[in-house]
C-alpha atoms as a PDB file:
ATOM      1  CA  MET A   1     142.102 142.268 270.110  1.00  0.00           C
ATOM      2  CA  SER A   2     142.192 140.912 273.662  1.00  0.00           C
ATOM      3  CA  PRO A   3     141.489 143.317 276.554  1.00  0.00           C
ATOM      4  CA  LEU A   4     144.197 145.305 278.282  1.00  0.00           C
ATOM      5  CA  LEU A   5     144.949 144.106 281.803  1.00  0.00           C
ATOM      6  CA  ILE A   6     146.646 146.339 284.386  1.00  0.00           C
ATOM      7  CA  ARG A   7     147.950 144.236 287.259  1.00  0.00           C
ATOM      8  CA  PRO A   8     150.662 144.077 289.931  1.00  0.00           C
ATOM      9  CA  SER A   9     154.000 143.010 288.496  1.00  0.00           C
ATOM     10  CA  THR A  10     155.463 139.593 289.246  1.00  0.00           C
ATOM     11  CA  PRO A  11     159.093 138.455 289.053  1.00  0.00           C
ATOM     12  CA  GLU A  12     158.213 136.578 285.849  1.00  0.00           C
ATOM     13  CA  ASP A  13     157.531 139.925 284.126  1.00  0.00           C
ATOM     14  CA  PHE A  14     161.071 141.198 284.467  1.00  0.00           C
ATOM     15  CA  THR A  15     162.606 139.828 281.308  1.00  0.00           C
ATOM     16  CA  ALA A  16     160.010 141.922 279.442  1.00  0.00           C
ATOM     17  CA  VAL A  17     160.365 144.890 281.826  1.00  0.00           C
ATOM     18  CA  ALA A  18     164.146 144.924 281.358  1.00  0.00           C
ATOM     19  CA  ARG A  19     163.746 144.667 277.555  1.00  0.00           C
ATOM     20  CA  ILE A  20     161.296 147.587 277.481  1.00  0.00           C
ATOM     21  CA  TYR A  21     163.483 149.744 279.692  1.00  0.00           C
ATOM     22  CA  ALA A  22     166.643 148.828 277.743  1.00  0.00           C
ATOM     23  CA  HIS A  23     165.019 150.190 274.581  1.00  0.00           C
ATOM     24  CA  HIS A  24     164.424 153.548 276.309  1.00  0.00           C
ATOM     25  CA  VAL A  25     167.908 153.633 277.827  1.00  0.00           C
ATOM     26  CA  LEU A  26     169.623 152.883 274.528  1.00  0.00           C
ATOM     27  CA  HIS A  27     167.382 154.842 272.150  1.00  0.00           C
ATOM     28  CA  GLY A  28     165.503 157.497 274.113  1.00  0.00           C
ATOM     29  CA  THR A  29     165.880 160.481 276.378  1.00  0.00           C
ATOM     30  CA  ALA A  30     163.058 159.737 278.827  1.00  0.00           C
ATOM     31  CA  THR A  31     165.679 158.229 281.128  1.00  0.00           C
ATOM     32  CA  PHE A  32     169.134 159.598 281.758  1.00  0.00           C
ATOM     33  CA  GLU A  33     170.615 156.150 282.305  1.00  0.00           C
ATOM     34  CA  THR A  34     173.099 155.284 279.589  1.00  0.00           C
ATOM     35  CA  GLU A  35     173.617 151.564 280.254  1.00  0.00           C
ATOM     36  CA  ALA A  36     170.669 149.202 280.328  1.00  0.00           C
ATOM     37  CA  PRO A  37     170.311 147.397 283.657  1.00  0.00           C
ATOM     38  CA  SER A  38     169.801 143.633 283.766  1.00  0.00           C
ATOM     39  CA  ALA A  39     166.505 141.949 284.564  1.00  0.00           C
ATOM     40  CA  GLU A  40     167.993 141.091 287.960  1.00  0.00           C
ATOM     41  CA  GLU A  41     168.760 144.758 288.654  1.00  0.00           C
ATOM     42  CA  MET A  42     165.267 145.772 287.554  1.00  0.00           C
ATOM     43  CA  LEU A  43     163.824 143.131 289.869  1.00  0.00           C
ATOM     44  CA  ARG A  44     165.945 144.523 292.718  1.00  0.00           C
ATOM     45  CA  ARG A  45     164.537 147.986 292.002  1.00  0.00           C
ATOM     46  CA  ARG A  46     161.020 146.527 292.084  1.00  0.00           C
ATOM     47  CA  GLU A  47     161.673 144.969 295.483  1.00  0.00           C
ATOM     48  CA  ASP A  48     162.847 148.357 296.774  1.00  0.00           C
ATOM     49  CA  VAL A  49     159.638 150.043 295.564  1.00  0.00           C
ATOM     50  CA  LEU A  50     157.386 147.301 296.936  1.00  0.00           C
ATOM     51  CA  GLY A  51     159.339 147.314 300.199  1.00  0.00           C
ATOM     52  CA  ARG A  52     158.346 150.947 300.669  1.00  0.00           C
ATOM     53  CA  GLY A  53     154.703 150.072 300.141  1.00  0.00           C
ATOM     54  CA  TRP A  54     154.264 151.543 296.660  1.00  0.00           C
ATOM     55  CA  PRO A  55     152.942 149.786 293.549  1.00  0.00           C
ATOM     56  CA  TRP A  56     154.815 148.460 290.520  1.00  0.00           C
ATOM     57  CA  LEU A  57     152.276 147.640 287.805  1.00  0.00           C
ATOM     58  CA  VAL A  58     152.417 146.064 284.362  1.00  0.00           C
ATOM     59  CA  ALA A  59     150.049 146.317 281.418  1.00  0.00           C
ATOM     60  CA  GLU A  60     149.539 143.162 279.430  1.00  0.00           C
ATOM     61  CA  ARG A  61     147.428 142.070 276.525  1.00  0.00           C
ATOM     62  CA  GLY A  62     147.128 138.451 275.497  1.00  0.00           C
ATOM     63  CA  GLY A  63     149.902 137.472 277.916  1.00  0.00           C
ATOM     64  CA  THR A  64     152.394 140.011 276.503  1.00  0.00           C
ATOM     65  CA  VAL A  65     153.736 142.763 278.763  1.00  0.00           C
ATOM     66  CA  LEU A  66     153.265 146.078 276.927  1.00  0.00           C
ATOM     67  CA  GLY A  67     154.545 148.451 279.590  1.00  0.00           C
ATOM     68  CA  TYR A  68     155.005 149.114 283.255  1.00  0.00           C
ATOM     69  CA  ALA A  69     154.598 151.893 285.797  1.00  0.00           C
ATOM     70  CA  TYR A  70     155.648 152.420 289.376  1.00  0.00           C
ATOM     71  CA  ALA A  71     155.812 155.137 291.983  1.00  0.00           C
ATOM     72  CA  ASN A  72     158.395 155.855 294.635  1.00  0.00           C
ATOM     73  CA  GLN A  73     158.938 158.575 297.189  1.00  0.00           C
ATOM     74  CA  LEU A  74     160.180 161.733 295.451  1.00  0.00           C
ATOM     75  CA  ARG A  75     163.092 162.170 297.869  1.00  0.00           C
ATOM     76  CA  PRO A  76     164.276 159.982 300.767  1.00  0.00           C
ATOM     77  CA  ARG A  77     163.739 162.437 303.634  1.00  0.00           C
ATOM     78  CA  PRO A  78     160.680 161.754 305.826  1.00  0.00           C
ATOM     79  CA  ALA A  79     158.879 165.003 304.987  1.00  0.00           C
ATOM     80  CA  PHE A  80     158.554 163.762 301.375  1.00  0.00           C
ATOM     81  CA  ARG A  81     156.648 160.605 302.407  1.00  0.00           C
ATOM     82  CA  PHE A  82     153.352 161.791 300.885  1.00  0.00           C
ATOM     83  CA  CYS A  83     154.868 162.939 297.567  1.00  0.00           C
ATOM     84  CA  LEU A  84     155.688 160.366 294.905  1.00  0.00           C
ATOM     85  CA  GLU A  85     157.421 160.351 291.537  1.00  0.00           C
ATOM     86  CA  ASP A  86     155.859 158.221 288.820  1.00  0.00           C
ATOM     87  CA  SER A  87     157.726 156.293 286.130  1.00  0.00           C
ATOM     88  CA  ILE A  88     156.083 154.816 283.034  1.00  0.00           C
ATOM     89  CA  TYR A  89     157.709 152.975 280.148  1.00  0.00           C
ATOM     90  CA  LEU A  90     155.997 151.345 277.180  1.00  0.00           C
ATOM     91  CA  ASP A  91     157.071 148.909 274.535  1.00  0.00           C
ATOM     92  CA  PRO A  92     157.440 151.022 271.361  1.00  0.00           C
ATOM     93  CA  GLU A  93     154.778 148.859 269.684  1.00  0.00           C
ATOM     94  CA  ALA A  94     152.260 149.767 272.429  1.00  0.00           C
ATOM     95  CA  ARG A  95     152.355 153.539 271.908  1.00  0.00           C
ATOM     96  CA  GLY A  96     149.135 155.273 270.947  1.00  0.00           C
ATOM     97  CA  GLN A  97     146.896 152.473 272.251  1.00  0.00           C
ATOM     98  CA  GLY A  98     145.887 153.980 275.621  1.00  0.00           C
ATOM     99  CA  VAL A  99     148.285 151.761 277.553  1.00  0.00           C
ATOM    100  CA  GLY A 100     150.126 154.661 279.209  1.00  0.00           C
ATOM    101  CA  ARG A 101     146.886 156.358 280.259  1.00  0.00           C
ATOM    102  CA  ALA A 102     145.510 153.126 281.729  1.00  0.00           C
ATOM    103  CA  LEU A 103     148.748 152.490 283.633  1.00  0.00           C
ATOM    104  CA  LEU A 104     148.964 156.042 284.980  1.00  0.00           C
ATOM    105  CA  ALA A 105     145.294 156.125 286.027  1.00  0.00           C
ATOM    106  CA  GLU A 106     145.634 152.877 287.978  1.00  0.00           C
ATOM    107  CA  LEU A 107     148.961 153.953 289.473  1.00  0.00           C
ATOM    108  CA  MET A 108     147.447 157.216 290.726  1.00  0.00           C
ATOM    109  CA  ALA A 109     144.425 155.387 292.178  1.00  0.00           C
ATOM    110  CA  GLN A 110     146.594 152.871 294.031  1.00  0.00           C
ATOM    111  CA  CYS A 111     148.940 155.552 295.365  1.00  0.00           C
ATOM    112  CA  GLU A 112     146.036 157.691 296.539  1.00  0.00           C
ATOM    113  CA  ALA A 113     144.523 154.657 298.304  1.00  0.00           C
ATOM    114  CA  ARG A 114     147.873 154.189 300.093  1.00  0.00           C
ATOM    115  CA  GLY A 115     147.883 157.766 301.368  1.00  0.00           C
ATOM    116  CA  ALA A 116     149.951 159.658 298.808  1.00  0.00           C
ATOM    117  CA  ARG A 117     148.888 163.289 298.358  1.00  0.00           C
ATOM    118  CA  GLN A 118     151.052 164.520 295.458  1.00  0.00           C
ATOM    119  CA  MET A 119     152.520 162.891 292.368  1.00  0.00           C
ATOM    120  CA  VAL A 120     155.370 164.423 290.399  1.00  0.00           C
ATOM    121  CA  ALA A 121     156.486 163.504 286.906  1.00  0.00           C
ATOM    122  CA  VAL A 122     160.168 164.133 286.206  1.00  0.00           C
ATOM    123  CA  ILE A 123     160.129 163.955 282.412  1.00  0.00           C
ATOM    124  CA  GLY A 124     163.373 163.599 280.548  1.00  0.00           C
ATOM    125  CA  ASP A 125     163.481 165.838 277.474  1.00  0.00           C
ATOM    126  CA  SER A 126     161.275 168.868 276.965  1.00  0.00           C
ATOM    127  CA  ALA A 127     160.651 167.462 273.454  1.00  0.00           C
ATOM    128  CA  ASN A 128     159.019 164.333 274.932  1.00  0.00           C
ATOM    129  CA  ALA A 129     155.539 165.290 273.707  1.00  0.00           C
ATOM    130  CA  ALA A 130     154.090 161.828 274.389  1.00  0.00           C
ATOM    131  CA  SER A 131     154.935 161.824 278.099  1.00  0.00           C
ATOM    132  CA  ILE A 132     154.083 165.492 278.599  1.00  0.00           C
ATOM    133  CA  GLY A 133     150.758 164.945 276.807  1.00  0.00           C
ATOM    134  CA  LEU A 134     149.967 161.797 278.792  1.00  0.00           C
ATOM    135  CA  HIS A 135     150.573 163.530 282.097  1.00  0.00           C
ATOM    136  CA  ALA A 136     148.593 166.619 281.052  1.00  0.00           C
ATOM    137  CA  ALA A 137     145.682 164.403 279.968  1.00  0.00           C
ATOM    138  CA  CYS A 138     145.734 162.830 283.444  1.00  0.00           C
ATOM    139  CA  GLY A 139     145.543 166.182 285.225  1.00  0.00           C
ATOM    140  CA  PHE A 140     149.209 167.000 285.765  1.00  0.00           C
ATOM    141  CA  GLU A 141     150.339 170.602 285.337  1.00  0.00           C
ATOM    142  CA  ARG A 142     153.788 171.920 284.559  1.00  0.00           C
ATOM    143  CA  CYS A 143     155.427 173.158 287.724  1.00  0.00           C
ATOM    144  CA  GLY A 144     159.009 173.729 286.621  1.00  0.00           C
ATOM    145  CA  GLY A 145     162.017 172.154 285.057  1.00  0.00           C
ATOM    146  CA  HIS A 146     165.753 172.051 284.709  1.00  0.00           C
ATOM    147  CA  ALA A 147     167.394 173.363 281.548  1.00  0.00           C
ATOM    148  CA  ALA A 148     170.243 171.288 280.104  1.00  0.00           C
ATOM    149  CA  ALA A 149     170.195 168.937 283.109  1.00  0.00           C
ATOM    150  CA  GLY A 150     171.451 165.878 281.254  1.00  0.00           C
ATOM    151  CA  TRP A 151     173.924 165.059 278.506  1.00  0.00           C
ATOM    152  CA  LYS A 152     172.972 162.107 276.314  1.00  0.00           C
ATOM    153  CA  PHE A 153     173.368 161.278 272.632  1.00  0.00           C
ATOM    154  CA  GLY A 154     175.709 164.237 272.155  1.00  0.00           C
ATOM    155  CA  ARG A 155     173.251 166.896 273.283  1.00  0.00           C
ATOM    156  CA  TRP A 156     171.929 168.660 276.349  1.00  0.00           C
ATOM    157  CA  ILE A 157     168.527 167.492 277.535  1.00  0.00           C
ATOM    158  CA  ASP A 158     166.053 169.461 279.624  1.00  0.00           C
ATOM    159  CA  VAL A 159     163.862 168.041 282.384  1.00  0.00           C
ATOM    160  CA  VAL A 160     160.190 168.969 282.636  1.00  0.00           C
ATOM    161  CA  LEU A 161     158.486 168.792 286.031  1.00  0.00           C
ATOM    162  CA  MET A 162     154.750 168.199 286.223  1.00  0.00           C
ATOM    163  CA  GLN A 163     152.632 167.670 289.329  1.00  0.00           C
ATOM    164  CA  ARG A 164     149.148 166.518 290.280  1.00  0.00           C
ATOM    165  CA  ALA A 165     147.384 166.387 293.626  1.00  0.00           C
ATOM    166  CA  LEU A 166     146.032 163.011 294.736  1.00  0.00           C
ATOM    167  CA  GLY A 167     142.883 162.866 296.843  1.00  0.00           C
ATOM    168  CA  ASP A 168     142.679 165.924 299.117  1.00  0.00           C
ATOM    169  CA  GLY A 169     146.142 167.036 298.028  1.00  0.00           C
ATOM    170  CA  ALA A 170     147.243 169.828 300.351  1.00  0.00           C
ATOM    171  CA  ALA A 171     143.686 170.701 301.522  1.00  0.00           C
ATOM    172  CA  THR A 172     143.836 168.537 304.660  1.00  0.00           C
ATOM    173  CA  PRO A 173     146.516 166.961 306.851  1.00  0.00           C
ATOM    174  CA  PRO A 174     147.673 163.534 305.636  1.00  0.00           C
ATOM    175  CA  VAL A 175     146.985 160.241 307.378  1.00  0.00           C
ATOM    176  CA  GLU A 176     150.104 158.309 308.371  1.00  0.00           C
ATOM    177  CA  ARG A 177     150.417 154.809 306.887  1.00  0.00           C
ATOM    178  CA  ALA A 178     150.946 151.860 309.168  1.00  0.00           C
ATOM    179  CA  ALA A 179     154.562 150.738 309.236  1.00  0.00           C
END
C-alpha cells in the first residue's frame, strides 16, 4: 500500500472533493445540506476559506483523493477570529484507515501555526460515533449540543459540539495575524 499524503488542496482535487461530499449529503447526517453542491461550488467554498487564511487539505494515496479537511472561522464577527470550526469528510472506502486522524492532526497543526487558539467540531448526529470518536481521540471534549436541530431523512437530528484548545488556548493573549 502506498503512503498516505496530506497536502494542500488544488483545484484539480475538486471533482473528487465534490463526489466525497455528495455521498455524505445524500446518504449521511454529518452535514445538514440536502442537495449536493457542484464541484464549482465546492471550489468557490475553498477559495473563501483560503481567502481568510485558513487551510483546506486533502488526503491522497496513490494519486487518489481519500478525504479532505478544512477550517474556517466559527462565526463571522471579529471577536471569533481565533476560534475555528473544522470540517472533515472521507470517502466511505477510506474509513478505518487513519485518514481522518491524519487529516485532523495536520489541520490542527496548521491552524495553530496561523494563530488559532480554539477549534470547535459541530458534529451532525449524536449517533455519529466515528466523528465523535475521531475528535475525542484528537483531544476534543464535548462542550454542548443542540437537540433536534436538523430534520433530514424523515427524522430529527441532534448536533454535538466538541472543542479543543490549540497552542496556549486561553492561557495567554492571542497574536494578531498580518492582514
